[in-house]
Amino acid sequence: MVTLKVKEDSKQAKAFIALAKTLSFVKIEPESESPYDPKFVAKIKAREKNAKGKKLTRVNPDDIWENI
């Protein structure tokens, strides 16, 4: 089995999808929605961006109660 991801915003992509639908051995499934809340996903992506930019908060494990 092979998975193809096609952005449907161009004429060529729409033509390709139309052609693929005519083939008996091709099954087209719409992309499923994420089970996660979009706000939660945005927070995680923001944290990843901050981690890559070295904008981190370091916590000393020996003094964890003082840092809370």
C-alpha atoms as a PDB file:
ATOM      1  CA  MET A   1       0.000   0.000   0.000  1.00  0.00           C
ATOM      2  CA  VAL A   2       1.179   3.498  -0.850  1.00  0.00           C
ATOM      3  CA  THR A   3      -0.046   6.777   0.629  1.00  0.00           C
ATOM      4  CA  LEU A   4      -0.063   9.903  -1.513  1.00  0.00           C
ATOM      5  CA  LYS A   5      -0.788  13.351  -0.154  1.00  0.00           C
ATOM      6  CA  VAL A   6      -2.088  15.790  -2.736  1.00  0.00           C
ATOM      7  CA  LYS A   7      -2.952  19.435  -2.120  1.00  0.00           C
ATOM      8  CA  GLU A   8      -6.224  20.026  -3.920  1.00  0.00           C
ATOM      9  CA  ASP A   9      -5.695  23.714  -4.692  1.00  0.00           C
ATOM     10  CA  SER A  10      -4.358  23.463  -8.252  1.00  0.00           C
ATOM     11  CA  LYS A  11      -5.938  22.448 -11.558  1.00  0.00           C
ATOM     12  CA  GLN A  12      -3.396  19.662 -11.999  1.00  0.00           C
ATOM     13  CA  ALA A  13      -4.137  18.210  -8.567  1.00  0.00           C
ATOM     14  CA  LYS A  14      -7.881  18.237  -9.217  1.00  0.00           C
ATOM     15  CA  ALA A  15      -7.320  16.515 -12.563  1.00  0.00           C
ATOM     16  CA  PHE A  16      -5.085  13.907 -10.905  1.00  0.00           C
ATOM     17  CA  ILE A  17      -7.715  13.185  -8.239  1.00  0.00           C
ATOM     18  CA  ALA A  18     -10.416  12.874 -10.887  1.00  0.00           C
ATOM     19  CA  LEU A  19      -8.249  10.411 -12.805  1.00  0.00           C
ATOM     20  CA  ALA A  20      -7.436   8.422  -9.665  1.00  0.00           C
ATOM     21  CA  LYS A  21     -11.151   8.122  -8.826  1.00  0.00           C
ATOM     22  CA  THR A  22     -11.742   6.359 -12.156  1.00  0.00           C
ATOM     23  CA  LEU A  23      -9.268   3.587 -11.301  1.00  0.00           C
ATOM     24  CA  SER A  24     -10.835   0.539  -9.649  1.00  0.00           C
ATOM     25  CA  PHE A  25      -7.785  -0.247  -7.486  1.00  0.00           C
ATOM     26  CA  VAL A  26      -7.485   3.249  -5.985  1.00  0.00           C
ATOM     27  CA  LYS A  27      -9.351   4.175  -2.815  1.00  0.00           C
ATOM     28  CA  ILE A  28      -9.445   7.877  -1.962  1.00  0.00           C
ATOM     29  CA  GLU A  29      -9.984   8.704   1.695  1.00  0.00           C
ATOM     30  CA  PRO A  30     -10.397  12.290   2.862  1.00  0.00           C
ATOM     31  CA  GLU A  31      -7.873  13.473   5.400  1.00  0.00           C
ATOM     32  CA  SER A  32      -9.125  12.841   8.903  1.00  0.00           C
ATOM     33  CA  GLU A  33      -9.279  15.670  11.387  1.00  0.00           C
ATOM     34  CA  SER A  34      -6.898  15.755  14.298  1.00  0.00           C
ATOM     35  CA  PRO A  35      -8.362  14.464  17.568  1.00  0.00           C
ATOM     36  CA  TYR A  36      -6.584  17.293  19.403  1.00  0.00           C
ATOM     37  CA  ASP A  37      -7.961  20.729  20.207  1.00  0.00           C
ATOM     38  CA  PRO A  38      -6.473  23.312  17.777  1.00  0.00           C
ATOM     39  CA  LYS A  39      -5.580  25.630  20.691  1.00  0.00           C
ATOM     40  CA  PHE A  40      -3.606  22.821  22.327  1.00  0.00           C
ATOM     41  CA  VAL A  41      -1.762  22.067  19.078  1.00  0.00           C
ATOM     42  CA  ALA A  42      -0.899  25.765  18.671  1.00  0.00           C
ATOM     43  CA  LYS A  43       0.561  25.857  22.206  1.00  0.00           C
ATOM     44  CA  ILE A  44       2.724  22.795  21.545  1.00  0.00           C
ATOM     45  CA  LYS A  45       4.000  24.231  18.255  1.00  0.00           C
ATOM     46  CA  ALA A  46       4.813  27.539  19.987  1.00  0.00           C
ATOM     47  CA  ARG A  47       6.777  25.665  22.663  1.00  0.00           C
ATOM     48  CA  GLU A  48       8.698  23.761  19.987  1.00  0.00           C
ATOM     49  CA  LYS A  49       9.558  27.042  18.279  1.00  0.00           C
ATOM     50  CA  ASN A  50      10.757  28.523  21.588  1.00  0.00           C
ATOM     51  CA  ALA A  51      12.869  25.437  22.279  1.00  0.00           C
ATOM     52  CA  LYS A  52      14.546  25.745  18.884  1.00  0.00           C
ATOM     53  CA  GLY A  53      15.199  29.442  19.579  1.00  0.00           C
ATOM     54  CA  LYS A  54      16.756  28.528  22.955  1.00  0.00           C
ATOM     55  CA  LYS A  55      14.042  30.444  24.847  1.00  0.00           C
ATOM     56  CA  LEU A  56      13.813  27.941  27.681  1.00  0.00           C
ATOM     57  CA  THR A  57      13.262  28.052  31.412  1.00  0.00           C
ATOM     58  CA  ARG A  58      15.754  25.880  33.252  1.00  0.00           C
ATOM     59  CA  VAL A  59      14.761  24.324  36.565  1.00  0.00           C
ATOM     60  CA  ASN A  60      17.351  23.009  38.996  1.00  0.00           C
ATOM     61  CA  PRO A  61      16.100  19.567  40.113  1.00  0.00           C
ATOM     62  CA  ASP A  62      17.799  19.965  43.500  1.00  0.00           C
ATOM     63  CA  ASP A  63      15.838  23.160  44.261  1.00  0.00           C
ATOM     64  CA  ILE A  64      12.619  22.302  42.480  1.00  0.00           C
ATOM     65  CA  TRP A  65      10.355  23.496  45.319  1.00  0.00           C
ATOM     66  CA  GLU A  66      12.042  26.893  45.349  1.00  0.00           C
ATOM     67  CA  ASN A  67      11.411  27.277  41.604  1.00  0.00           C
ATOM     68  CA  ILE A  68       7.690  26.590  41.786  1.00  0.00           C
END
